[in-house]
N, C-alpha and C. Protein backbone atom coordinates (compact mmCIF):
# COMPACT_ATOMS: atom_id res chain seq x y z
N UNK A 1 0.84 -1.17 0.00
CA UNK A 1 0.00 0.00 0.00
C UNK A 1 0.89 1.24 0.00
N UNK A 2 0.68 2.08 -0.99
CA UNK A 2 1.55 3.24 -1.13
C UNK A 2 0.88 4.51 -0.68
N UNK A 3 1.62 5.58 -0.83
CA UNK A 3 1.09 6.89 -0.49
C UNK A 3 0.45 7.51 -1.70
N UNK A 4 -0.60 8.26 -1.46
CA UNK A 4 -1.28 8.98 -2.52
C UNK A 4 -0.72 10.39 -2.58
N UNK A 5 -0.64 10.97 -3.75
CA UNK A 5 -0.14 12.34 -3.83
C UNK A 5 -1.04 13.27 -3.03
N UNK A 6 -0.44 14.26 -2.37
CA UNK A 6 -1.25 15.17 -1.56
C UNK A 6 -1.92 16.22 -2.42
N UNK A 7 -1.34 16.57 -3.55
CA UNK A 7 -1.95 17.59 -4.41
C UNK A 7 -2.16 17.06 -5.81
N UNK A 8 -1.11 16.58 -6.44
CA UNK A 8 -1.28 16.13 -7.80
C UNK A 8 -0.06 15.43 -8.36
N UNK A 9 -0.20 15.02 -9.60
CA UNK A 9 0.86 14.33 -10.31
C UNK A 9 1.04 15.03 -11.65
N UNK A 10 2.22 15.55 -11.89
CA UNK A 10 2.52 16.20 -13.17
C UNK A 10 2.77 15.11 -14.19
N UNK A 11 2.10 15.22 -15.35
CA UNK A 11 2.28 14.26 -16.44
C UNK A 11 3.30 14.79 -17.44
N UNK A 12 3.13 16.05 -17.84
CA UNK A 12 4.08 16.71 -18.74
C UNK A 12 3.94 18.21 -18.52
N UNK A 13 4.55 19.00 -19.38
CA UNK A 13 4.55 20.45 -19.20
C UNK A 13 3.16 21.08 -19.26
N UNK A 14 2.22 20.43 -19.93
CA UNK A 14 0.87 20.98 -20.08
C UNK A 14 -0.18 20.29 -19.23
N UNK A 15 0.10 19.09 -18.75
CA UNK A 15 -0.94 18.23 -18.19
C UNK A 15 -0.58 17.74 -16.80
N UNK A 16 -1.57 17.77 -15.91
CA UNK A 16 -1.38 17.20 -14.58
C UNK A 16 -2.69 16.64 -14.06
N UNK A 17 -2.57 15.74 -13.12
CA UNK A 17 -3.72 15.21 -12.40
C UNK A 17 -3.71 15.87 -11.02
N UNK A 18 -4.85 16.46 -10.65
CA UNK A 18 -4.98 17.08 -9.33
C UNK A 18 -6.09 16.39 -8.57
N UNK A 19 -5.79 16.02 -7.32
CA UNK A 19 -6.85 15.46 -6.48
C UNK A 19 -8.03 16.42 -6.47
N UNK A 20 -9.23 15.87 -6.56
CA UNK A 20 -10.42 16.72 -6.49
C UNK A 20 -10.42 17.48 -5.17
N UNK A 21 -10.69 18.77 -5.25
CA UNK A 21 -10.74 19.65 -4.08
C UNK A 21 -12.02 20.46 -4.13
N UNK A 22 -12.57 20.74 -2.96
CA UNK A 22 -13.78 21.56 -2.90
C UNK A 22 -13.56 22.94 -3.52
N UNK A 23 -12.33 23.42 -3.48
CA UNK A 23 -12.02 24.77 -3.99
C UNK A 23 -12.30 24.90 -5.50
N UNK A 24 -12.34 23.81 -6.23
CA UNK A 24 -12.69 23.92 -7.65
C UNK A 24 -13.98 23.17 -7.99
N UNK A 25 -14.86 23.04 -7.02
CA UNK A 25 -16.16 22.39 -7.26
C UNK A 25 -16.95 23.13 -8.35
N UNK A 26 -16.90 24.46 -8.32
CA UNK A 26 -17.65 25.23 -9.32
C UNK A 26 -17.11 24.96 -10.73
N UNK A 27 -15.78 24.95 -10.88
CA UNK A 27 -15.18 24.67 -12.20
C UNK A 27 -15.55 23.28 -12.69
N UNK A 28 -15.50 22.30 -11.79
CA UNK A 28 -15.84 20.93 -12.17
C UNK A 28 -17.31 20.84 -12.55
N UNK A 29 -18.18 21.44 -11.75
CA UNK A 29 -19.61 21.42 -12.07
C UNK A 29 -19.88 22.10 -13.41
N UNK A 30 -19.26 23.26 -13.64
CA UNK A 30 -19.47 23.97 -14.91
C UNK A 30 -19.05 23.11 -16.09
N UNK A 31 -17.92 22.39 -15.97
CA UNK A 31 -17.47 21.52 -17.05
C UNK A 31 -18.47 20.40 -17.30
N UNK A 32 -18.96 19.80 -16.22
CA UNK A 32 -19.97 18.75 -16.35
C UNK A 32 -21.21 19.32 -17.02
N UNK A 33 -21.66 20.48 -16.54
CA UNK A 33 -22.90 21.06 -17.04
C UNK A 33 -22.79 21.42 -18.52
N UNK A 34 -21.65 21.96 -18.93
CA UNK A 34 -21.43 22.32 -20.34
C UNK A 34 -21.42 21.08 -21.24
N UNK A 35 -21.07 19.94 -20.68
CA UNK A 35 -20.93 18.70 -21.45
C UNK A 35 -22.02 17.68 -21.13
N UNK A 36 -23.05 18.12 -20.44
CA UNK A 36 -24.08 17.21 -19.92
C UNK A 36 -24.66 16.29 -20.99
N UNK A 37 -25.13 16.84 -22.10
CA UNK A 37 -25.74 16.00 -23.14
C UNK A 37 -24.71 15.07 -23.77
N UNK A 38 -23.52 15.58 -24.00
CA UNK A 38 -22.45 14.79 -24.58
C UNK A 38 -22.07 13.62 -23.65
N UNK A 39 -21.87 13.89 -22.37
CA UNK A 39 -21.47 12.86 -21.41
C UNK A 39 -22.58 11.86 -21.14
N UNK A 40 -23.81 12.32 -21.23
CA UNK A 40 -24.97 11.49 -20.92
C UNK A 40 -25.08 10.26 -21.83
N UNK A 41 -24.49 10.35 -23.01
CA UNK A 41 -24.56 9.21 -23.93
C UNK A 41 -23.95 7.95 -23.32
N UNK A 42 -22.90 8.11 -22.49
CA UNK A 42 -22.18 6.94 -21.97
C UNK A 42 -22.02 6.89 -20.45
N UNK A 43 -22.34 7.94 -19.72
CA UNK A 43 -22.12 7.95 -18.28
C UNK A 43 -23.45 7.97 -17.53
N UNK A 44 -23.60 7.10 -16.52
CA UNK A 44 -24.90 6.93 -15.86
C UNK A 44 -25.19 7.89 -14.71
N UNK A 45 -24.28 8.76 -14.34
CA UNK A 45 -24.42 9.54 -13.11
C UNK A 45 -24.83 11.00 -13.29
N UNK A 46 -25.09 11.43 -14.52
CA UNK A 46 -25.36 12.86 -14.77
C UNK A 46 -26.59 13.39 -14.03
N UNK A 47 -27.59 12.55 -13.82
CA UNK A 47 -28.79 13.02 -13.12
C UNK A 47 -28.54 13.25 -11.64
N UNK A 48 -27.41 12.79 -11.13
CA UNK A 48 -27.06 13.00 -9.72
C UNK A 48 -26.14 14.21 -9.55
N UNK A 49 -25.74 14.83 -10.63
CA UNK A 49 -24.85 16.01 -10.60
C UNK A 49 -25.59 17.17 -11.25
N UNK A 50 -26.55 17.77 -10.51
CA UNK A 50 -27.37 18.82 -11.12
C UNK A 50 -27.12 20.19 -10.50
N UNK A 51 -26.21 20.26 -9.52
CA UNK A 51 -25.89 21.55 -8.90
C UNK A 51 -24.46 21.51 -8.40
N UNK A 52 -23.91 22.68 -8.15
CA UNK A 52 -22.54 22.74 -7.61
C UNK A 52 -22.49 22.06 -6.25
N UNK A 53 -23.60 22.09 -5.51
CA UNK A 53 -23.64 21.41 -4.21
C UNK A 53 -23.52 19.90 -4.39
N UNK A 54 -24.14 19.34 -5.43
CA UNK A 54 -23.98 17.91 -5.74
C UNK A 54 -22.51 17.59 -6.01
N UNK A 55 -21.85 18.48 -6.74
CA UNK A 55 -20.43 18.27 -7.05
C UNK A 55 -19.60 18.34 -5.78
N UNK A 56 -19.92 19.28 -4.90
CA UNK A 56 -19.21 19.37 -3.60
C UNK A 56 -19.38 18.08 -2.80
N UNK A 57 -20.60 17.55 -2.79
CA UNK A 57 -20.86 16.30 -2.06
C UNK A 57 -20.07 15.14 -2.67
N UNK A 58 -20.02 15.10 -4.01
CA UNK A 58 -19.22 14.08 -4.68
C UNK A 58 -17.75 14.21 -4.26
N UNK A 59 -17.23 15.43 -4.28
CA UNK A 59 -15.83 15.65 -3.90
C UNK A 59 -15.60 15.20 -2.46
N UNK A 60 -16.52 15.51 -1.57
CA UNK A 60 -16.39 15.05 -0.17
C UNK A 60 -16.34 13.53 -0.11
N UNK A 61 -17.14 12.86 -0.95
CA UNK A 61 -17.12 11.39 -0.96
C UNK A 61 -15.77 10.86 -1.43
N UNK A 62 -15.08 11.63 -2.28
CA UNK A 62 -13.76 11.19 -2.74
C UNK A 62 -12.74 11.28 -1.60
N UNK A 63 -12.94 12.22 -0.67
CA UNK A 63 -12.06 12.30 0.51
C UNK A 63 -12.20 11.04 1.35
N UNK A 64 -13.44 10.55 1.44
CA UNK A 64 -13.70 9.33 2.22
C UNK A 64 -13.00 8.13 1.55
N UNK A 65 -13.11 8.03 0.23
CA UNK A 65 -12.43 6.95 -0.50
C UNK A 65 -10.93 7.01 -0.23
N UNK A 66 -10.38 8.20 -0.34
CA UNK A 66 -8.94 8.42 -0.10
C UNK A 66 -8.58 8.04 1.33
N UNK A 67 -9.38 8.51 2.29
CA UNK A 67 -9.11 8.24 3.71
C UNK A 67 -9.19 6.78 4.06
N UNK A 68 -10.01 6.03 3.32
CA UNK A 68 -10.14 4.58 3.55
C UNK A 68 -9.10 3.77 2.77
N UNK A 69 -8.15 4.46 2.15
CA UNK A 69 -7.09 3.81 1.36
C UNK A 69 -7.67 2.94 0.25
N UNK A 70 -8.70 3.49 -0.42
CA UNK A 70 -9.35 2.77 -1.52
C UNK A 70 -9.08 3.44 -2.86
N UNK A 71 -8.05 4.29 -2.93
CA UNK A 71 -7.72 4.97 -4.17
C UNK A 71 -8.12 6.43 -4.10
N UNK A 72 -8.13 7.07 -5.27
CA UNK A 72 -8.40 8.51 -5.30
C UNK A 72 -8.98 8.92 -6.64
N UNK A 73 -9.56 10.13 -6.67
CA UNK A 73 -10.16 10.71 -7.87
C UNK A 73 -9.44 12.01 -8.17
N UNK A 74 -9.19 12.27 -9.44
CA UNK A 74 -8.48 13.48 -9.82
C UNK A 74 -9.18 14.19 -10.98
N UNK A 75 -8.90 15.47 -11.07
CA UNK A 75 -9.25 16.22 -12.27
C UNK A 75 -8.08 16.10 -13.24
N UNK A 76 -8.39 16.04 -14.52
CA UNK A 76 -7.37 16.11 -15.56
C UNK A 76 -7.26 17.59 -15.93
N UNK A 77 -6.11 18.18 -15.67
CA UNK A 77 -5.90 19.61 -15.91
C UNK A 77 -4.96 19.78 -17.10
N UNK A 78 -5.35 20.62 -18.03
CA UNK A 78 -4.56 20.88 -19.23
C UNK A 78 -4.38 22.39 -19.36
N UNK A 79 -3.13 22.82 -19.32
CA UNK A 79 -2.79 24.24 -19.41
C UNK A 79 -3.62 25.09 -18.44
N UNK A 80 -3.72 24.59 -17.22
CA UNK A 80 -4.39 25.33 -16.16
C UNK A 80 -5.90 25.26 -16.15
N UNK A 81 -6.49 24.47 -17.06
CA UNK A 81 -7.95 24.33 -17.11
C UNK A 81 -8.34 22.89 -16.82
N UNK A 82 -9.43 22.72 -16.09
CA UNK A 82 -9.92 21.36 -15.88
C UNK A 82 -10.56 20.87 -17.18
N UNK A 83 -10.15 19.66 -17.60
CA UNK A 83 -10.57 19.11 -18.89
C UNK A 83 -11.41 17.85 -18.73
N UNK A 84 -11.34 17.21 -17.57
CA UNK A 84 -12.05 15.96 -17.35
C UNK A 84 -11.70 15.39 -16.00
N UNK A 85 -11.94 14.11 -15.85
CA UNK A 85 -11.73 13.46 -14.56
C UNK A 85 -11.28 12.02 -14.78
N UNK A 86 -10.45 11.54 -13.86
CA UNK A 86 -10.02 10.14 -13.89
C UNK A 86 -9.76 9.70 -12.46
N UNK A 87 -10.09 8.46 -12.18
CA UNK A 87 -9.84 7.96 -10.84
C UNK A 87 -10.04 6.47 -10.75
N UNK A 88 -9.80 5.98 -9.55
CA UNK A 88 -9.97 4.56 -9.27
C UNK A 88 -11.35 4.33 -8.67
N UNK A 89 -12.02 3.29 -9.16
CA UNK A 89 -13.15 2.78 -8.41
C UNK A 89 -12.50 2.18 -7.16
N UNK A 90 -13.21 1.97 -6.07
CA UNK A 90 -12.51 1.51 -4.86
C UNK A 90 -11.60 0.31 -5.12
N UNK A 91 -10.38 0.41 -4.62
CA UNK A 91 -9.40 -0.67 -4.79
C UNK A 91 -9.89 -1.93 -4.10
N UNK A 92 -9.76 -3.05 -4.79
CA UNK A 92 -10.05 -4.37 -4.23
C UNK A 92 -8.71 -4.92 -3.72
N UNK A 93 -8.42 -4.64 -2.44
CA UNK A 93 -7.13 -5.04 -1.87
C UNK A 93 -6.99 -6.55 -1.77
N UNK A 94 -8.09 -7.27 -1.51
CA UNK A 94 -8.01 -8.73 -1.38
C UNK A 94 -7.49 -9.36 -2.67
N UNK A 95 -7.93 -8.82 -3.80
CA UNK A 95 -7.54 -9.38 -5.09
C UNK A 95 -6.49 -8.53 -5.79
N UNK A 96 -6.02 -7.47 -5.12
CA UNK A 96 -4.97 -6.59 -5.63
C UNK A 96 -5.27 -6.09 -7.04
N UNK A 97 -6.51 -5.55 -7.20
CA UNK A 97 -6.88 -5.01 -8.50
C UNK A 97 -7.74 -3.77 -8.31
N UNK A 98 -7.83 -2.99 -9.41
CA UNK A 98 -8.62 -1.77 -9.39
C UNK A 98 -9.16 -1.50 -10.79
N UNK A 99 -10.29 -0.81 -10.85
CA UNK A 99 -10.84 -0.37 -12.12
C UNK A 99 -10.64 1.14 -12.22
N UNK A 100 -10.27 1.60 -13.40
CA UNK A 100 -10.11 3.03 -13.67
C UNK A 100 -11.34 3.52 -14.43
N UNK A 101 -11.86 4.67 -14.01
CA UNK A 101 -12.94 5.32 -14.72
C UNK A 101 -12.49 6.71 -15.15
N UNK A 102 -12.99 7.19 -16.28
CA UNK A 102 -12.55 8.49 -16.80
C UNK A 102 -13.61 9.10 -17.70
N UNK A 103 -13.51 10.42 -17.86
CA UNK A 103 -14.28 11.14 -18.87
C UNK A 103 -13.53 12.42 -19.23
N UNK A 104 -13.79 12.93 -20.42
CA UNK A 104 -13.11 14.14 -20.90
C UNK A 104 -14.15 15.04 -21.57
N UNK A 105 -13.98 16.33 -21.40
CA UNK A 105 -14.84 17.30 -22.07
C UNK A 105 -14.68 17.16 -23.57
N UNK A 106 -15.78 17.37 -24.28
CA UNK A 106 -15.74 17.29 -25.75
C UNK A 106 -14.67 18.22 -26.31
N UNK A 107 -14.53 19.42 -25.75
CA UNK A 107 -13.59 20.40 -26.30
C UNK A 107 -12.13 20.03 -26.08
N UNK A 108 -11.86 19.05 -25.21
CA UNK A 108 -10.47 18.64 -24.96
C UNK A 108 -10.14 17.28 -25.58
N UNK A 109 -11.08 16.72 -26.35
CA UNK A 109 -10.81 15.44 -27.01
C UNK A 109 -9.72 15.59 -28.06
N UNK A 110 -9.07 14.47 -28.36
CA UNK A 110 -8.11 14.46 -29.46
C UNK A 110 -6.72 14.96 -29.11
N UNK A 111 -6.47 15.25 -27.84
CA UNK A 111 -5.15 15.72 -27.41
C UNK A 111 -4.36 14.63 -26.69
N UNK A 112 -4.94 13.44 -26.59
CA UNK A 112 -4.26 12.33 -25.91
C UNK A 112 -4.28 12.45 -24.40
N UNK A 113 -5.11 13.32 -23.85
CA UNK A 113 -5.11 13.57 -22.41
C UNK A 113 -5.54 12.35 -21.61
N UNK A 114 -6.59 11.66 -22.06
CA UNK A 114 -7.06 10.49 -21.29
C UNK A 114 -6.04 9.36 -21.38
N UNK A 115 -5.44 9.17 -22.53
CA UNK A 115 -4.42 8.12 -22.67
C UNK A 115 -3.25 8.40 -21.73
N UNK A 116 -2.78 9.66 -21.71
CA UNK A 116 -1.67 10.01 -20.81
C UNK A 116 -2.08 9.86 -19.35
N UNK A 117 -3.29 10.28 -19.03
CA UNK A 117 -3.77 10.17 -17.65
C UNK A 117 -3.90 8.70 -17.24
N UNK A 118 -4.40 7.86 -18.15
CA UNK A 118 -4.49 6.42 -17.87
C UNK A 118 -3.12 5.81 -17.62
N UNK A 119 -2.16 6.15 -18.46
CA UNK A 119 -0.79 5.63 -18.26
C UNK A 119 -0.29 5.97 -16.86
N UNK A 120 -0.53 7.19 -16.44
CA UNK A 120 -0.10 7.63 -15.12
C UNK A 120 -0.80 6.84 -14.03
N UNK A 121 -2.11 6.68 -14.16
CA UNK A 121 -2.88 5.95 -13.15
C UNK A 121 -2.51 4.46 -13.13
N UNK A 122 -2.20 3.89 -14.28
CA UNK A 122 -1.78 2.48 -14.36
C UNK A 122 -0.44 2.31 -13.65
N UNK A 123 0.52 3.16 -13.98
CA UNK A 123 1.83 3.09 -13.33
C UNK A 123 1.69 3.24 -11.82
N UNK A 124 0.86 4.18 -11.40
CA UNK A 124 0.65 4.40 -9.98
C UNK A 124 0.06 3.14 -9.31
N UNK A 125 -0.92 2.52 -9.97
CA UNK A 125 -1.54 1.31 -9.42
C UNK A 125 -0.52 0.20 -9.22
N UNK A 126 0.34 0.02 -10.21
CA UNK A 126 1.31 -1.08 -10.14
C UNK A 126 2.53 -0.72 -9.30
N UNK A 127 3.08 0.46 -9.49
CA UNK A 127 4.37 0.79 -8.88
C UNK A 127 4.26 1.36 -7.47
N UNK A 128 3.18 2.04 -7.17
CA UNK A 128 3.03 2.63 -5.83
C UNK A 128 2.13 1.76 -4.96
N UNK A 129 0.97 1.39 -5.48
CA UNK A 129 0.06 0.56 -4.69
C UNK A 129 0.43 -0.92 -4.71
N UNK A 130 1.24 -1.35 -5.68
CA UNK A 130 1.64 -2.76 -5.75
C UNK A 130 0.50 -3.69 -6.15
N UNK A 131 -0.43 -3.17 -6.95
CA UNK A 131 -1.55 -4.00 -7.39
C UNK A 131 -1.10 -4.94 -8.51
N UNK A 132 -1.89 -5.96 -8.76
CA UNK A 132 -1.57 -6.94 -9.79
C UNK A 132 -2.35 -6.73 -11.08
N UNK A 133 -3.52 -6.05 -10.98
CA UNK A 133 -4.36 -5.94 -12.17
C UNK A 133 -5.09 -4.60 -12.18
N UNK A 134 -5.20 -4.03 -13.39
CA UNK A 134 -6.01 -2.84 -13.62
C UNK A 134 -7.05 -3.21 -14.67
N UNK A 135 -8.28 -2.79 -14.43
CA UNK A 135 -9.36 -3.03 -15.38
C UNK A 135 -9.94 -1.71 -15.84
N UNK A 136 -10.47 -1.72 -17.05
CA UNK A 136 -11.26 -0.61 -17.59
C UNK A 136 -12.50 -1.23 -18.21
N UNK A 137 -13.66 -0.72 -17.85
CA UNK A 137 -14.93 -1.18 -18.42
C UNK A 137 -15.49 -0.06 -19.28
N UNK A 138 -15.87 -0.37 -20.52
CA UNK A 138 -16.41 0.62 -21.45
C UNK A 138 -17.62 0.04 -22.16
N UNK A 139 -18.59 0.89 -22.44
CA UNK A 139 -19.70 0.44 -23.28
C UNK A 139 -19.12 0.00 -24.62
N UNK A 140 -19.56 -1.15 -25.10
CA UNK A 140 -18.98 -1.70 -26.33
C UNK A 140 -19.14 -0.76 -27.52
N UNK A 141 -20.19 0.05 -27.53
CA UNK A 141 -20.43 0.97 -28.65
C UNK A 141 -19.63 2.27 -28.52
N UNK A 142 -19.02 2.49 -27.37
CA UNK A 142 -18.26 3.72 -27.15
C UNK A 142 -16.83 3.51 -27.66
N UNK A 143 -16.67 3.63 -28.96
CA UNK A 143 -15.39 3.31 -29.60
C UNK A 143 -14.24 4.18 -29.10
N UNK A 144 -14.47 5.46 -28.85
CA UNK A 144 -13.39 6.33 -28.38
C UNK A 144 -12.87 5.85 -27.02
N UNK A 145 -13.79 5.47 -26.15
CA UNK A 145 -13.39 5.01 -24.83
C UNK A 145 -12.69 3.65 -24.90
N UNK A 146 -13.22 2.74 -25.71
CA UNK A 146 -12.61 1.41 -25.85
C UNK A 146 -11.22 1.48 -26.48
N UNK A 147 -10.98 2.48 -27.33
CA UNK A 147 -9.69 2.61 -27.99
C UNK A 147 -8.56 2.85 -26.98
N UNK A 148 -8.88 3.43 -25.85
CA UNK A 148 -7.82 3.76 -24.88
C UNK A 148 -7.19 2.51 -24.28
N UNK A 149 -7.95 1.60 -23.67
CA UNK A 149 -7.29 0.39 -23.16
C UNK A 149 -6.67 -0.45 -24.28
N UNK A 150 -7.28 -0.45 -25.44
CA UNK A 150 -6.71 -1.20 -26.57
C UNK A 150 -5.34 -0.64 -26.93
N UNK A 151 -5.23 0.69 -26.97
CA UNK A 151 -3.97 1.35 -27.30
C UNK A 151 -2.90 1.09 -26.24
N UNK A 152 -3.33 0.91 -24.98
CA UNK A 152 -2.39 0.74 -23.88
C UNK A 152 -2.03 -0.73 -23.60
N UNK A 153 -2.46 -1.64 -24.46
CA UNK A 153 -2.06 -3.03 -24.32
C UNK A 153 -2.93 -3.89 -23.42
N UNK A 154 -4.10 -3.39 -23.05
CA UNK A 154 -5.03 -4.21 -22.27
C UNK A 154 -5.57 -5.32 -23.18
N UNK A 155 -6.01 -6.39 -22.56
CA UNK A 155 -6.67 -7.47 -23.28
C UNK A 155 -8.16 -7.41 -22.97
N UNK A 156 -8.99 -7.55 -24.01
CA UNK A 156 -10.42 -7.62 -23.75
C UNK A 156 -10.71 -9.00 -23.19
N UNK A 157 -11.25 -9.03 -21.99
CA UNK A 157 -11.47 -10.29 -21.29
C UNK A 157 -12.88 -10.82 -21.45
N UNK A 158 -13.76 -9.98 -21.96
CA UNK A 158 -15.13 -10.43 -22.15
C UNK A 158 -16.08 -9.25 -22.25
N UNK A 159 -17.35 -9.57 -22.34
CA UNK A 159 -18.39 -8.56 -22.42
C UNK A 159 -19.45 -8.89 -21.37
N UNK A 160 -19.78 -7.90 -20.57
CA UNK A 160 -20.89 -8.02 -19.63
C UNK A 160 -22.15 -7.58 -20.37
N UNK A 161 -22.96 -8.55 -20.76
CA UNK A 161 -24.17 -8.23 -21.52
C UNK A 161 -25.11 -7.42 -20.65
N UNK A 162 -25.61 -6.32 -21.22
CA UNK A 162 -26.51 -5.41 -20.51
C UNK A 162 -25.96 -5.10 -19.12
N UNK A 163 -24.67 -4.77 -19.08
CA UNK A 163 -23.95 -4.57 -17.82
C UNK A 163 -24.17 -3.23 -17.15
N UNK A 164 -24.76 -2.28 -17.86
CA UNK A 164 -24.96 -0.97 -17.24
C UNK A 164 -26.26 -0.35 -17.74
N UNK A 165 -26.99 0.27 -16.81
CA UNK A 165 -28.24 0.96 -17.12
C UNK A 165 -27.92 2.42 -17.41
N UNK A 166 -28.27 2.89 -18.59
CA UNK A 166 -28.07 4.29 -18.96
C UNK A 166 -29.42 4.95 -19.17
N UNK A 167 -30.03 5.39 -18.08
CA UNK A 167 -31.23 6.22 -18.07
C UNK A 167 -32.49 5.52 -18.56
N UNK A 168 -32.45 4.96 -19.77
CA UNK A 168 -33.65 4.33 -20.31
C UNK A 168 -33.35 3.06 -21.10
N UNK A 169 -32.10 2.59 -21.02
CA UNK A 169 -31.73 1.36 -21.73
C UNK A 169 -30.45 0.78 -21.13
N UNK A 170 -30.22 -0.49 -21.41
CA UNK A 170 -28.99 -1.15 -20.98
C UNK A 170 -27.96 -1.07 -22.10
N UNK A 171 -26.68 -1.05 -21.70
CA UNK A 171 -25.59 -1.17 -22.67
C UNK A 171 -24.69 -2.33 -22.24
N UNK A 172 -24.07 -2.97 -23.23
CA UNK A 172 -23.09 -4.00 -22.96
C UNK A 172 -21.77 -3.34 -22.60
N UNK A 173 -21.04 -3.94 -21.66
CA UNK A 173 -19.75 -3.39 -21.25
C UNK A 173 -18.61 -4.33 -21.64
N UNK A 174 -17.63 -3.81 -22.36
CA UNK A 174 -16.41 -4.54 -22.63
C UNK A 174 -15.53 -4.44 -21.40
N UNK A 175 -14.98 -5.56 -20.96
CA UNK A 175 -14.10 -5.59 -19.80
C UNK A 175 -12.68 -5.79 -20.31
N UNK A 176 -11.83 -4.81 -20.03
CA UNK A 176 -10.43 -4.87 -20.41
C UNK A 176 -9.58 -5.05 -19.17
N UNK A 177 -8.54 -5.88 -19.26
CA UNK A 177 -7.66 -6.11 -18.12
C UNK A 177 -6.20 -6.02 -18.53
N UNK A 178 -5.39 -5.55 -17.58
CA UNK A 178 -3.94 -5.46 -17.77
C UNK A 178 -3.28 -5.92 -16.48
N UNK A 179 -2.33 -6.85 -16.60
CA UNK A 179 -1.61 -7.35 -15.44
C UNK A 179 -0.31 -6.58 -15.26
N UNK A 180 0.14 -6.51 -14.03
CA UNK A 180 1.39 -5.81 -13.74
C UNK A 180 2.53 -6.39 -14.56
N UNK A 181 2.56 -7.70 -14.71
CA UNK A 181 3.66 -8.34 -15.47
C UNK A 181 3.63 -7.92 -16.94
N UNK A 182 2.43 -7.68 -17.48
CA UNK A 182 2.31 -7.24 -18.89
C UNK A 182 2.75 -5.79 -19.02
N UNK A 183 2.41 -4.97 -18.05
CA UNK A 183 2.76 -3.55 -18.08
C UNK A 183 4.29 -3.35 -18.01
N UNK A 184 4.94 -4.19 -17.22
CA UNK A 184 6.39 -4.04 -17.00
C UNK A 184 7.24 -4.71 -18.08
N UNK A 185 6.59 -5.41 -19.02
CA UNK A 185 7.36 -6.10 -20.07
C UNK A 185 8.09 -5.10 -20.97
């Protein structure tokens, strides 16, 4: 079990991951709100984020996850602007694995930000937390999202049929997995 960064992780000169903080709840909410229809196509939680207060409550819940040593949630910051979010679903310490979840604003797509952020989170999972496996679950029809684990060398391990409810219908989820031994090859 490793230490989590207290503020953030610099990826390159333009990009960093910053732990979610209440001080930027308004910026995070505004980004979500501006991208609501776009994000709604693939993310099931938009109806629970309808005010800056909802975002503050979400951020407070991330402090609890962090305090329980179950991982952390970060904003993806590009040139001083919040562009999206990436984090760990609670770490499964018994099985030494974690799932990564992410989203990016439409206006920041195509810059490789999520791929770089995933690489950072994968390295952190294996090298700092000492986990054995990282998973990413994506709706099978969400080609942009599925391309990320495919690009990073994950193996598709299967499909969870009707694995997620999106407002008024189910979607199938592709399950991608990467082992520490594969990452370090």
